[in-house]
Amino acid sequence: RLSCAASGLTLSSYAMGWFRQAPGKERGFVAAITWSGGRTYY
């Protein structure tokens, strides 16, 4: 279970995402969530 703690931001209108990057590969999308509505994407 990964956690991401945000400081200095008001996140109500933001989207938060997770990306990953393996050695020698491009950074790729993993998942995202809208802060206010909680819509998720994978």
Full PDB file with SEQRES, HELIX, SHEET, SSBOND, CRYST1, ORIGX, SCALE, CONECT and MASTER records, all heavy atoms in Angstrom:
SEQRES   1 A   42  ARG LEU SER CYS ALA ALA SER GLY LEU THR LEU SER SER          
SEQRES   2 A   42  TYR ALA MET GLY TRP PHE ARG GLN ALA PRO GLY LYS GLU          
SEQRES   3 A   42  ARG GLY PHE VAL ALA ALA ILE THR TRP SER GLY GLY ARG          
SEQRES   4 A   42  THR TYR TYR                                                  
SHEET    1 AA1 3 ALA A  15  ARG A  20  0                                        
SHEET    2 AA1 3 GLY A  28  THR A  34 -1                                        
SHEET    3 AA1 3 THR A  40  TYR A  41 -1                                        
CRYST1    1.000    1.000    1.000  90.00  90.00  90.00 P 1           1          
ORIGX1      1.000000  0.000000  0.000000        0.00000                         
ORIGX2      0.000000  1.000000  0.000000        0.00000                         
ORIGX3      0.000000  0.000000  1.000000        0.00000                         
SCALE1      1.000000  0.000000  0.000000        0.00000                         
SCALE2      0.000000  1.000000  0.000000        0.00000                         
SCALE3      0.000000  0.000000  1.000000        0.00000                         
ATOM      1  N   ARG A   1       0.845  -1.177   0.000  1.00  0.00           N  
ATOM      2  CA  ARG A   1       0.000   0.000   0.000  1.00  0.00           C  
ATOM      3  C   ARG A   1       0.885   1.232   0.000  1.00  0.00           C  
ATOM      4  O   ARG A   1       1.604   1.490   0.969  1.00  0.00           O  
ATOM      5  CB  ARG A   1      -0.926   0.017   1.212  1.00  0.00           C  
ATOM      6  CG  ARG A   1      -1.931   1.170   1.217  1.00  0.00           C  
ATOM      7  CD  ARG A   1      -2.861   1.064   2.406  1.00  0.00           C  
ATOM      8  NE  ARG A   1      -3.823   2.155   2.496  1.00  0.00           N  
ATOM      9  CZ  ARG A   1      -5.008   2.164   1.899  1.00  0.00           C  
ATOM     10  NH1 ARG A   1      -5.382   1.137   1.150  1.00  0.00           N  
ATOM     11  NH2 ARG A   1      -5.825   3.202   2.053  1.00  0.00           N  
ATOM     12  N   LEU A   2       0.826   1.989  -1.079  1.00  0.00           N  
ATOM     13  CA  LEU A   2       1.595   3.208  -1.198  1.00  0.00           C  
ATOM     14  C   LEU A   2       0.773   4.395  -0.728  1.00  0.00           C  
ATOM     15  O   LEU A   2      -0.440   4.436  -0.911  1.00  0.00           O  
ATOM     16  CB  LEU A   2       2.031   3.445  -2.642  1.00  0.00           C  
ATOM     17  CG  LEU A   2       2.788   2.312  -3.337  1.00  0.00           C  
ATOM     18  CD1 LEU A   2       3.209   2.756  -4.737  1.00  0.00           C  
ATOM     19  CD2 LEU A   2       3.994   1.872  -2.521  1.00  0.00           C  
ATOM     20  N   SER A   3       1.451   5.362  -0.144  1.00  0.00           N  
ATOM     21  CA  SER A   3       0.815   6.591   0.295  1.00  0.00           C  
ATOM     22  C   SER A   3       1.524   7.778  -0.324  1.00  0.00           C  
ATOM     23  O   SER A   3       2.729   7.739  -0.563  1.00  0.00           O  
ATOM     24  CB  SER A   3       0.859   6.719   1.820  1.00  0.00           C  
ATOM     25  OG  SER A   3       0.170   5.662   2.447  1.00  0.00           O  
ATOM     26  N   CYS A   4       0.777   8.823  -0.563  1.00  0.00           N  
ATOM     27  CA  CYS A   4       1.328  10.078  -1.052  1.00  0.00           C  
ATOM     28  C   CYS A   4       0.710  11.205  -0.249  1.00  0.00           C  
ATOM     29  O   CYS A   4      -0.496  11.452  -0.357  1.00  0.00           O  
ATOM     30  CB  CYS A   4       1.046  10.259  -2.543  1.00  0.00           C  
ATOM     31  SG  CYS A   4       1.536  11.864  -3.212  1.00  0.00           S  
ATOM     32  N   ALA A   5       1.519  11.859   0.546  1.00  0.00           N  
ATOM     33  CA  ALA A   5       1.070  12.977   1.355  1.00  0.00           C  
ATOM     34  C   ALA A   5       1.406  14.281   0.650  1.00  0.00           C  
ATOM     35  O   ALA A   5       2.562  14.516   0.290  1.00  0.00           O  
ATOM     36  CB  ALA A   5       1.717  12.932   2.730  1.00  0.00           C  
ATOM     37  N   ALA A   6       0.409  15.116   0.466  1.00  0.00           N  
ATOM     38  CA  ALA A   6       0.568  16.377  -0.244  1.00  0.00           C  
ATOM     39  C   ALA A   6       0.625  17.538   0.732  1.00  0.00           C  
ATOM     40  O   ALA A   6      -0.172  17.617   1.666  1.00  0.00           O  
ATOM     41  CB  ALA A   6      -0.563  16.585  -1.237  1.00  0.00           C  
ATOM     42  N   SER A   7       1.556  18.451   0.498  1.00  0.00           N  
ATOM     43  CA  SER A   7       1.681  19.673   1.279  1.00  0.00           C  
ATOM     44  C   SER A   7       1.690  20.866   0.344  1.00  0.00           C  
ATOM     45  O   SER A   7       2.232  20.794  -0.765  1.00  0.00           O  
ATOM     46  CB  SER A   7       2.957  19.667   2.119  1.00  0.00           C  
ATOM     47  OG  SER A   7       2.988  18.568   3.010  1.00  0.00           O  
ATOM     48  N   GLY A   8       1.124  21.973   0.792  1.00  0.00           N  
ATOM     49  CA  GLY A   8       1.138  23.189   0.008  1.00  0.00           C  
ATOM     50  C   GLY A   8       0.129  23.238  -1.119  1.00  0.00           C  
ATOM     51  O   GLY A   8       0.216  24.110  -1.990  1.00  0.00           O  
ATOM     52  N   LEU A   9      -0.823  22.325  -1.113  1.00  0.00           N  
ATOM     53  CA  LEU A   9      -1.836  22.253  -2.158  1.00  0.00           C  
ATOM     54  C   LEU A   9      -3.220  22.150  -1.541  1.00  0.00           C  
ATOM     55  O   LEU A   9      -3.389  21.529  -0.495  1.00  0.00           O  
ATOM     56  CB  LEU A   9      -1.621  21.049  -3.057  1.00  0.00           C  
ATOM     57  CG  LEU A   9      -0.411  21.037  -3.986  1.00  0.00           C  
ATOM     58  CD1 LEU A   9      -0.278  19.663  -4.625  1.00  0.00           C  
ATOM     59  CD2 LEU A   9      -0.549  22.105  -5.055  1.00  0.00           C  
ATOM     60  N   THR A  10      -4.165  22.760  -2.203  1.00  0.00           N  
ATOM     61  CA  THR A  10      -5.570  22.516  -1.930  1.00  0.00           C  
ATOM     62  C   THR A  10      -6.067  21.616  -3.041  1.00  0.00           C  
ATOM     63  O   THR A  10      -6.081  22.003  -4.206  1.00  0.00           O  
ATOM     64  CB  THR A  10      -6.374  23.814  -1.876  1.00  0.00           C  
ATOM     65  OG1 THR A  10      -5.851  24.658  -0.851  1.00  0.00           O  
ATOM     66  CG2 THR A  10      -7.837  23.522  -1.580  1.00  0.00           C  
ATOM     67  N   LEU A  11      -6.477  20.431  -2.675  1.00  0.00           N  
ATOM     68  CA  LEU A  11      -6.660  19.370  -3.649  1.00  0.00           C  
ATOM     69  C   LEU A  11      -8.094  19.154  -4.101  1.00  0.00           C  
ATOM     70  O   LEU A  11      -8.348  18.243  -4.884  1.00  0.00           O  
ATOM     71  CB  LEU A  11      -6.115  18.058  -3.077  1.00  0.00           C  
ATOM     72  CG  LEU A  11      -4.631  18.072  -2.710  1.00  0.00           C  
ATOM     73  CD1 LEU A  11      -4.239  16.745  -2.081  1.00  0.00           C  
ATOM     74  CD2 LEU A  11      -3.784  18.363  -3.931  1.00  0.00           C  
ATOM     75  N   SER A  12      -9.011  19.975  -3.637  1.00  0.00           N  
ATOM     76  CA  SER A  12     -10.419  19.712  -3.906  1.00  0.00           C  
ATOM     77  C   SER A  12     -10.754  19.690  -5.390  1.00  0.00           C  
ATOM     78  O   SER A  12     -11.660  18.968  -5.812  1.00  0.00           O  
ATOM     79  CB  SER A  12     -11.299  20.735  -3.181  1.00  0.00           C  
ATOM     80  OG  SER A  12     -11.003  22.058  -3.611  1.00  0.00           O  
ATOM     81  N   SER A  13     -10.033  20.460  -6.183  1.00  0.00           N  
ATOM     82  CA  SER A  13     -10.300  20.506  -7.615  1.00  0.00           C  
ATOM     83  C   SER A  13      -9.205  19.847  -8.447  1.00  0.00           C  
ATOM     84  O   SER A  13      -9.159  20.020  -9.654  1.00  0.00           O  
ATOM     85  CB  SER A  13     -10.493  21.954  -8.067  1.00  0.00           C  
ATOM     86  OG  SER A  13      -9.315  22.714  -7.854  1.00  0.00           O  
ATOM     87  N   TYR A  14      -8.364  19.096  -7.795  1.00  0.00           N  
ATOM     88  CA  TYR A  14      -7.230  18.476  -8.462  1.00  0.00           C  
ATOM     89  C   TYR A  14      -7.529  17.045  -8.864  1.00  0.00           C  
ATOM     90  O   TYR A  14      -8.500  16.440  -8.427  1.00  0.00           O  
ATOM     91  CB  TYR A  14      -6.009  18.440  -7.533  1.00  0.00           C  
ATOM     92  CG  TYR A  14      -5.409  19.772  -7.163  1.00  0.00           C  
ATOM     93  CD1 TYR A  14      -5.942  20.962  -7.604  1.00  0.00           C  
ATOM     94  CD2 TYR A  14      -4.287  19.815  -6.344  1.00  0.00           C  
ATOM     95  CE1 TYR A  14      -5.382  22.169  -7.247  1.00  0.00           C  
ATOM     96  CE2 TYR A  14      -3.712  21.017  -5.981  1.00  0.00           C  
ATOM     97  CZ  TYR A  14      -4.267  22.189  -6.432  1.00  0.00           C  
ATOM     98  OH  TYR A  14      -3.704  23.395  -6.069  1.00  0.00           O  
ATOM     99  N   ALA A  15      -6.644  16.517  -9.686  1.00  0.00           N  
ATOM    100  CA  ALA A  15      -6.538  15.088  -9.891  1.00  0.00           C  
ATOM    101  C   ALA A  15      -5.185  14.633  -9.360  1.00  0.00           C  
ATOM    102  O   ALA A  15      -4.179  15.324  -9.525  1.00  0.00           O  
ATOM    103  CB  ALA A  15      -6.681  14.717 -11.363  1.00  0.00           C  
ATOM    104  N   MET A  16      -5.171  13.480  -8.740  1.00  0.00           N  
ATOM    105  CA  MET A  16      -3.943  12.889  -8.246  1.00  0.00           C  
ATOM    106  C   MET A  16      -3.704  11.584  -8.977  1.00  0.00           C  
ATOM    107  O   MET A  16      -4.637  10.803  -9.166  1.00  0.00           O  
ATOM    108  CB  MET A  16      -4.014  12.635  -6.748  1.00  0.00           C  
ATOM    109  CG  MET A  16      -4.199  13.893  -5.913  1.00  0.00           C  
ATOM    110  SD  MET A  16      -2.715  14.946  -5.921  1.00  0.00           S  
ATOM    111  CE  MET A  16      -1.544  13.883  -5.081  1.00  0.00           C  
ATOM    112  N   GLY A  17      -2.468  11.374  -9.362  1.00  0.00           N  
ATOM    113  CA  GLY A  17      -2.148  10.188 -10.132  1.00  0.00           C  
ATOM    114  C   GLY A  17      -0.932   9.462  -9.610  1.00  0.00           C  
ATOM    115  O   GLY A  17      -0.102  10.018  -8.884  1.00  0.00           O  
ATOM    116  N   TRP A  18      -0.861   8.205  -9.986  1.00  0.00           N  
ATOM    117  CA  TRP A  18       0.319   7.385  -9.758  1.00  0.00           C  
ATOM    118  C   TRP A  18       0.892   6.973 -11.109  1.00  0.00           C  
ATOM    119  O   TRP A  18       0.160   6.532 -11.997  1.00  0.00           O  
ATOM    120  CB  TRP A  18      -0.016   6.130  -8.949  1.00  0.00           C  
ATOM    121  CG  TRP A  18      -0.311   6.386  -7.508  1.00  0.00           C  
ATOM    122  CD1 TRP A  18      -1.527   6.531  -6.921  1.00  0.00           C  
ATOM    123  CD2 TRP A  18       0.654   6.509  -6.455  1.00  0.00           C  
ATOM    124  NE1 TRP A  18      -1.400   6.743  -5.578  1.00  0.00           N  
ATOM    125  CE2 TRP A  18      -0.060   6.733  -5.257  1.00  0.00           C  
ATOM    126  CE3 TRP A  18       2.049   6.454  -6.405  1.00  0.00           C  
ATOM    127  CZ2 TRP A  18       0.579   6.900  -4.029  1.00  0.00           C  
ATOM    128  CZ3 TRP A  18       2.672   6.629  -5.187  1.00  0.00           C  
ATOM    129  CH2 TRP A  18       1.943   6.845  -4.019  1.00  0.00           C  
ATOM    130  N   PHE A  19       2.192   7.137 -11.221  1.00  0.00           N  
ATOM    131  CA  PHE A  19       2.937   6.695 -12.384  1.00  0.00           C  
ATOM    132  C   PHE A  19       4.082   5.805 -11.915  1.00  0.00           C  
ATOM    133  O   PHE A  19       4.440   5.816 -10.736  1.00  0.00           O  
ATOM    134  CB  PHE A  19       3.484   7.890 -13.169  1.00  0.00           C  
ATOM    135  CG  PHE A  19       2.420   8.713 -13.841  1.00  0.00           C  
ATOM    136  CD1 PHE A  19       1.641   9.603 -13.111  1.00  0.00           C  
ATOM    137  CD2 PHE A  19       2.197   8.606 -15.201  1.00  0.00           C  
ATOM    138  CE1 PHE A  19       0.663  10.367 -13.719  1.00  0.00           C  
ATOM    139  CE2 PHE A  19       1.222   9.371 -15.825  1.00  0.00           C  
ATOM    140  CZ  PHE A  19       0.450  10.242 -15.083  1.00  0.00           C  
ATOM    141  N   ARG A  20       4.640   5.069 -12.835  1.00  0.00           N  
ATOM    142  CA  ARG A  20       5.770   4.225 -12.473  1.00  0.00           C  
ATOM    143  C   ARG A  20       6.779   4.192 -13.610  1.00  0.00           C  
ATOM    144  O   ARG A  20       6.441   4.379 -14.776  1.00  0.00           O  
ATOM    145  CB  ARG A  20       5.326   2.806 -12.116  1.00  0.00           C  
ATOM    146  CG  ARG A  20       4.692   2.032 -13.259  1.00  0.00           C  
ATOM    147  CD  ARG A  20       4.120   0.722 -12.746  1.00  0.00           C  
ATOM    148  NE  ARG A  20       3.524  -0.074 -13.806  1.00  0.00           N  
ATOM    149  CZ  ARG A  20       2.877  -1.215 -13.612  1.00  0.00           C  
ATOM    150  NH1 ARG A  20       2.745  -1.702 -12.373  1.00  0.00           N  
ATOM    151  NH2 ARG A  20       2.369  -1.879 -14.644  1.00  0.00           N  
ATOM    152  N   GLN A  21       8.017   3.939 -13.243  1.00  0.00           N  
ATOM    153  CA  GLN A  21       9.084   3.885 -14.217  1.00  0.00           C  
ATOM    154  C   GLN A  21      10.088   2.812 -13.825  1.00  0.00           C  
ATOM    155  O   GLN A  21      10.666   2.857 -12.743  1.00  0.00           O  
ATOM    156  CB  GLN A  21       9.789   5.236 -14.342  1.00  0.00           C  
ATOM    157  CG  GLN A  21      10.798   5.295 -15.469  1.00  0.00           C  
ATOM    158  CD  GLN A  21      11.261   6.709 -15.750  1.00  0.00           C  
ATOM    159  OE1 GLN A  21      11.196   7.583 -14.888  1.00  0.00           O  
ATOM    160  NE2 GLN A  21      11.733   6.941 -16.961  1.00  0.00           N  
ATOM    161  N   ALA A  22      10.267   1.869 -14.713  1.00  0.00           N  
ATOM    162  CA  ALA A  22      11.270   0.835 -14.544  1.00  0.00           C  
ATOM    163  C   ALA A  22      12.537   1.252 -15.275  1.00  0.00           C  
ATOM    164  O   ALA A  22      12.485   2.054 -16.215  1.00  0.00           O  
ATOM    165  CB  ALA A  22      10.758  -0.499 -15.080  1.00  0.00           C  
ATOM    166  N   PRO A  23      13.687   0.722 -14.877  1.00  0.00           N  
ATOM    167  CA  PRO A  23      14.936   1.083 -15.551  1.00  0.00           C  
ATOM    168  C   PRO A  23      14.877   0.847 -17.048  1.00  0.00           C  
ATOM    169  O   PRO A  23      14.464  -0.215 -17.506  1.00  0.00           O  
ATOM    170  CB  PRO A  23      15.968   0.167 -14.884  1.00  0.00           C  
ATOM    171  CG  PRO A  23      15.405  -0.112 -13.539  1.00  0.00           C  
ATOM    172  CD  PRO A  23      13.914  -0.196 -13.756  1.00  0.00           C  
ATOM    173  N   GLY A  24      15.267   1.855 -17.809  1.00  0.00           N  
ATOM    174  CA  GLY A  24      15.287   1.748 -19.249  1.00  0.00           C  
ATOM    175  C   GLY A  24      13.947   1.873 -19.929  1.00  0.00           C  
ATOM    176  O   GLY A  24      13.867   1.702 -21.152  1.00  0.00           O  
ATOM    177  N   LYS A  25      12.900   2.158 -19.180  1.00  0.00           N  
ATOM    178  CA  LYS A  25      11.572   2.269 -19.753  1.00  0.00           C  
ATOM    179  C   LYS A  25      10.984   3.644 -19.491  1.00  0.00           C  
ATOM    180  O   LYS A  25      11.437   4.381 -18.620  1.00  0.00           O  
ATOM    181  CB  LYS A  25      10.651   1.188 -19.181  1.00  0.00           C  
ATOM    182  CG  LYS A  25      11.075  -0.232 -19.514  1.00  0.00           C  
ATOM    183  CD  LYS A  25      10.078  -1.246 -19.015  1.00  0.00           C  
ATOM    184  CE  LYS A  25      10.477  -2.655 -19.389  1.00  0.00           C  
ATOM    185  NZ  LYS A  25       9.494  -3.654 -18.905  1.00  0.00           N  
ATOM    186  N   GLU A  26       9.961   3.961 -20.265  1.00  0.00           N  
ATOM    187  CA  GLU A  26       9.279   5.228 -20.094  1.00  0.00           C  
ATOM    188  C   GLU A  26       8.440   5.228 -18.828  1.00  0.00           C  
ATOM    189  O   GLU A  26       7.990   4.183 -18.358  1.00  0.00           O  
ATOM    190  CB  GLU A  26       8.374   5.519 -21.293  1.00  0.00           C  
ATOM    191  CG  GLU A  26       9.090   5.701 -22.612  1.00  0.00           C  
ATOM    192  CD  GLU A  26       8.135   6.009 -23.746  1.00  0.00           C  
ATOM    193  OE1 GLU A  26       6.906   6.021 -23.514  1.00  0.00           O  
ATOM    194  OE2 GLU A  26       8.606   6.237 -24.868  1.00  0.00           O  
ATOM    195  N   ARG A  27       8.243   6.410 -18.296  1.00  0.00           N  
ATOM    196  CA  ARG A  27       7.327   6.568 -17.178  1.00  0.00           C  
ATOM    197  C   ARG A  27       5.906   6.330 -17.673  1.00  0.00           C  
ATOM    198  O   ARG A  27       5.461   6.945 -18.648  1.00  0.00           O  
ATOM    199  CB  ARG A  27       7.470   7.960 -16.574  1.00  0.00           C  
ATOM    200  CG  ARG A  27       6.578   8.224 -15.374  1.00  0.00           C  
ATOM    201  CD  ARG A  27       6.960   9.539 -14.718  1.00  0.00           C  
ATOM    202  NE  ARG A  27       6.946  10.636 -15.666  1.00  0.00           N  
ATOM    203  CZ  ARG A  27       7.458  11.831 -15.427  1.00  0.00           C  
ATOM    204  NH1 ARG A  27       8.048  12.082 -14.260  1.00  0.00           N  
ATOM    205  NH2 ARG A  27       7.397  12.771 -16.349  1.00  0.00           N  
ATOM    206  N   GLY A  28       5.190   5.464 -17.017  1.00  0.00           N  
ATOM    207  CA  GLY A  28       3.869   5.087 -17.464  1.00  0.00           C  
ATOM    208  C   GLY A  28       2.791   5.322 -16.424  1.00  0.00           C  
ATOM    209  O   GLY A  28       3.036   5.294 -15.222  1.00  0.00           O  
ATOM    210  N   PHE A  29       1.598   5.532 -16.913  1.00  0.00           N  
ATOM    211  CA  PHE A  29       0.441   5.773 -16.061  1.00  0.00           C  
ATOM    212  C   PHE A  29       0.017   4.508 -15.338  1.00  0.00           C  
ATOM    213  O   PHE A  29       0.021   3.417 -15.913  1.00  0.00           O  
ATOM    214  CB  PHE A  29      -0.709   6.293 -16.922  1.00  0.00           C  
ATOM    215  CG  PHE A  29      -2.016   6.419 -16.196  1.00  0.00           C  
ATOM    216  CD1 PHE A  29      -2.229   7.425 -15.278  1.00  0.00           C  
ATOM    217  CD2 PHE A  29      -3.034   5.518 -16.439  1.00  0.00           C  
ATOM    218  CE1 PHE A  29      -3.431   7.553 -14.612  1.00  0.00           C  
ATOM    219  CE2 PHE A  29      -4.244   5.624 -15.788  1.00  0.00           C  
ATOM    220  CZ  PHE A  29      -4.440   6.645 -14.872  1.00  0.00           C  
ATOM    221  N   VAL A  30      -0.373   4.661 -14.091  1.00  0.00           N  
ATOM    222  CA  VAL A  30      -0.863   3.550 -13.294  1.00  0.00           C  
ATOM    223  C   VAL A  30      -2.323   3.762 -12.905  1.00  0.00           C  
ATOM    224  O   VAL A  30      -3.185   2.942 -13.200  1.00  0.00           O  
ATOM    225  CB  VAL A  30      -0.016   3.341 -12.030  1.00  0.00           C  
ATOM    226  CG1 VAL A  30      -0.597   2.220 -11.173  1.00  0.00           C  
ATOM    227  CG2 VAL A  30       1.431   3.039 -12.409  1.00  0.00           C  
ATOM    228  N   ALA A  31      -2.600   4.863 -12.227  1.00  0.00           N  
ATOM    229  CA  ALA A  31      -3.948   5.127 -11.734  1.00  0.00           C  
ATOM    230  C   ALA A  31      -4.086   6.602 -11.406  1.00  0.00           C  
ATOM    231  O   ALA A  31      -3.100   7.295 -11.174  1.00  0.00           O  
ATOM    232  CB  ALA A  31      -4.260   4.283 -10.495  1.00  0.00           C  
ATOM    233  N   ALA A  32      -5.325   7.084 -11.367  1.00  0.00           N  
ATOM    234  CA  ALA A  32      -5.590   8.462 -11.005  1.00  0.00           C  
ATOM    235  C   ALA A  32      -6.946   8.568 -10.343  1.00  0.00           C  
ATOM    236  O   ALA A  32      -7.807   7.697 -10.517  1.00  0.00           O  
ATOM    237  CB  ALA A  32      -5.527   9.379 -12.234  1.00  0.00           C  
ATOM    238  N   ILE A  33      -7.122   9.647  -9.599  1.00  0.00           N  
ATOM    239  CA  ILE A  33      -8.380   9.901  -8.922  1.00  0.00           C  
ATOM    240  C   ILE A  33      -8.630  11.393  -8.893  1.00  0.00           C  
ATOM    241  O   ILE A  33      -7.708  12.186  -8.681  1.00  0.00           O  
ATOM    242  CB  ILE A  33      -8.377   9.298  -7.497  1.00  0.00           C  
ATOM    243  CG1 ILE A  33      -9.761   9.402  -6.852  1.00  0.00           C  
ATOM    244  CG2 ILE A  33      -7.316   9.953  -6.617  1.00  0.00           C  
ATOM    245  CD1 ILE A  33      -9.895   8.571  -5.583  1.00  0.00           C  
ATOM    246  N   THR A  34      -9.866  11.798  -9.134  1.00  0.00           N  
ATOM    247  CA  THR A  34     -10.233  13.197  -8.970  1.00  0.00           C  
ATOM    248  C   THR A  34     -10.533  13.449  -7.509  1.00  0.00           C  
ATOM    249  O   THR A  34     -11.164  12.623  -6.839  1.00  0.00           O  
ATOM    250  CB  THR A  34     -11.438  13.575  -9.843  1.00  0.00           C  
ATOM    251  OG1 THR A  34     -12.589  12.810  -9.448  1.00  0.00           O  
ATOM    252  CG2 THR A  34     -11.144  13.315 -11.312  1.00  0.00           C  
ATOM    253  N   TRP A  35     -10.073  14.587  -6.997  1.00  0.00           N  
ATOM    254  CA  TRP A  35     -10.153  14.802  -5.568  1.00  0.00           C  
ATOM    255  C   TRP A  35     -11.566  15.032  -5.081  1.00  0.00           C  
ATOM    256  O   TRP A  35     -11.972  14.507  -4.046  1.00  0.00           O  
ATOM    257  CB  TRP A  35      -9.257  15.962  -5.155  1.00  0.00           C  
ATOM    258  CG  TRP A  35      -8.790  15.827  -3.748  1.00  0.00           C  
ATOM    259  CD1 TRP A  35      -9.194  16.550  -2.667  1.00  0.00           C  
ATOM    260  CD2 TRP A  35      -7.844  14.870  -3.264  1.00  0.00           C  
ATOM    261  NE1 TRP A  35      -8.555  16.115  -1.545  1.00  0.00           N  
ATOM    262  CE2 TRP A  35      -7.717  15.081  -1.880  1.00  0.00           C  
ATOM    263  CE3 TRP A  35      -7.085  13.865  -3.874  1.00  0.00           C  
ATOM    264  CZ2 TRP A  35      -6.881  14.322  -1.092  1.00  0.00           C  
ATOM    265  CZ3 TRP A  35      -6.247  13.109  -3.093  1.00  0.00           C  
ATOM    266  CH2 TRP A  35      -6.150  13.337  -1.720  1.00  0.00           C  
ATOM    267  N   SER A  36     -12.327  15.821  -5.812  1.00  0.00           N  
ATOM    268  CA  SER A  36     -13.669  16.151  -5.362  1.00  0.00           C  
ATOM    269  C   SER A  36     -14.666  15.035  -5.616  1.00  0.00           C  
ATOM    270  O   SER A  36     -15.444  14.678  -4.735  1.00  0.00           O  
ATOM    271  CB  SER A  36     -14.144  17.443  -6.030  1.00  0.00           C  
ATOM    272  OG  SER A  36     -14.134  17.325  -7.447  1.00  0.00           O  
ATOM    273  N   GLY A  37     -14.639  14.472  -6.806  1.00  0.00           N  
ATOM    274  CA  GLY A  37     -15.623  13.470  -7.155  1.00  0.00           C  
ATOM    275  C   GLY A  37     -15.213  12.037  -6.880  1.00  0.00           C  
ATOM    276  O   GLY A  37     -16.074  11.152  -6.828  1.00  0.00           O  
ATOM    277  N   GLY A  38     -13.918  11.806  -6.725  1.00  0.00           N  
ATOM    278  CA  GLY A  38     -13.449  10.466  -6.460  1.00  0.00           C  
ATOM    279  C   GLY A  38     -13.523   9.525  -7.647  1.00  0.00           C  
ATOM    280  O   GLY A  38     -13.495   8.303  -7.459  1.00  0.00           O  
ATOM    281  N   ARG A  39     -13.628  10.060  -8.844  1.00  0.00           N  
ATOM    282  CA  ARG A  39     -13.610   9.197 -10.020  1.00  0.00           C  
ATOM    283  C   ARG A  39     -12.221   8.617 -10.206  1.00  0.00           C  
ATOM    284  O   ARG A  39     -11.221   9.319 -10.052  1.00  0.00           O  
ATOM    285  CB  ARG A  39     -14.033   9.981 -11.265  1.00  0.00           C  
ATOM    286  CG  ARG A  39     -15.515  10.369 -11.262  1.00  0.00           C  
ATOM    287  CD  ARG A  39     -15.910  11.032 -12.567  1.00  0.00           C  
ATOM    288  NE  ARG A  39     -15.305  12.344 -12.699  1.00  0.00           N  
ATOM    289  CZ  ARG A  39     -15.851  13.467 -12.266  1.00  0.00           C  
ATOM    290  NH1 ARG A  39     -17.048  13.441 -11.677  1.00  0.00           N  
ATOM    291  NH2 ARG A  39     -15.228  14.612 -12.437  1.00  0.00           N  
ATOM    292  N   THR A  40     -12.176   7.366 -10.549  1.00  0.00           N  
ATOM    293  CA  THR A  40     -10.905   6.665 -10.655  1.00  0.00           C  
ATOM    294  C   THR A  40     -10.647   6.194 -12.071  1.00  0.00           C  
ATOM    295  O   THR A  40     -11.573   5.914 -12.832  1.00  0.00           O  
ATOM    296  CB  THR A  40     -10.855   5.470  -9.697  1.00  0.00           C  
ATOM    297  OG1 THR A  40     -11.939   4.578  -9.985  1.00  0.00           O  
ATOM    298  CG2 THR A  40     -10.966   5.936  -8.255  1.00  0.00           C  
ATOM    299  N   TYR A  41      -9.380   6.082 -12.381  1.00  0.00           N  
ATOM    300  CA  TYR A  41      -8.927   5.644 -13.696  1.00  0.00           C  
ATOM    301  C   TYR A  41      -7.735   4.730 -13.497  1.00  0.00           C  
ATOM    302  O   TYR A  41      -6.896   4.968 -12.629  1.00  0.00           O  
ATOM    303  CB  TYR A  41      -8.534   6.845 -14.563  1.00  0.00           C  
ATOM    304  CG  TYR A  41      -9.608   7.896 -14.661  1.00  0.00           C  
ATOM    305  CD1 TYR A  41      -9.682   8.917 -13.717  1.00  0.00           C  
ATOM    306  CD2 TYR A  41     -10.557   7.865 -15.673  1.00  0.00           C  
ATOM    307  CE1 TYR A  41     -10.674   9.885 -13.783  1.00  0.00           C  
ATOM    308  CE2 TYR A  41     -11.548   8.822 -15.755  1.00  0.00           C  
ATOM    309  CZ  TYR A  41     -11.601   9.831 -14.806  1.00  0.00           C  
ATOM    310  OH  TYR A  41     -12.587  10.788 -14.885  1.00  0.00           O  
ATOM    311  N   TYR A  42      -7.651   3.693 -14.323  1.00  0.00           N  
ATOM    312  CA  TYR A  42      -6.589   2.711 -14.182  1.00  0.00           C  
ATOM    313  C   TYR A  42      -6.017   2.328 -15.530  1.00  0.00           C  
ATOM    314  O   TYR A  42      -6.736   2.257 -16.529  1.00  0.00           O  
ATOM    315  CB  TYR A  42      -7.107   1.443 -13.504  1.00  0.00           C  
ATOM    316  CG  TYR A  42      -7.590   1.650 -12.096  1.00  0.00           C  
ATOM    317  CD1 TYR A  42      -8.933   1.865 -11.826  1.00  0.00           C  
ATOM    318  CD2 TYR A  42      -6.699   1.619 -11.036  1.00  0.00           C  
ATOM    319  CE1 TYR A  42      -9.379   2.054 -10.532  1.00  0.00           C  
ATOM    320  CE2 TYR A  42      -7.139   1.809  -9.734  1.00  0.00           C  
ATOM    321  CZ  TYR A  42      -8.483   2.024  -9.492  1.00  0.00           C  
ATOM    322  OH  TYR A  42      -8.923   2.210  -8.203  1.00  0.00           O  
TER     323      TYR A  42                                                      
MASTER        0    0    0    0    3    0    0    6  322    1    0    4          
END                                                                             
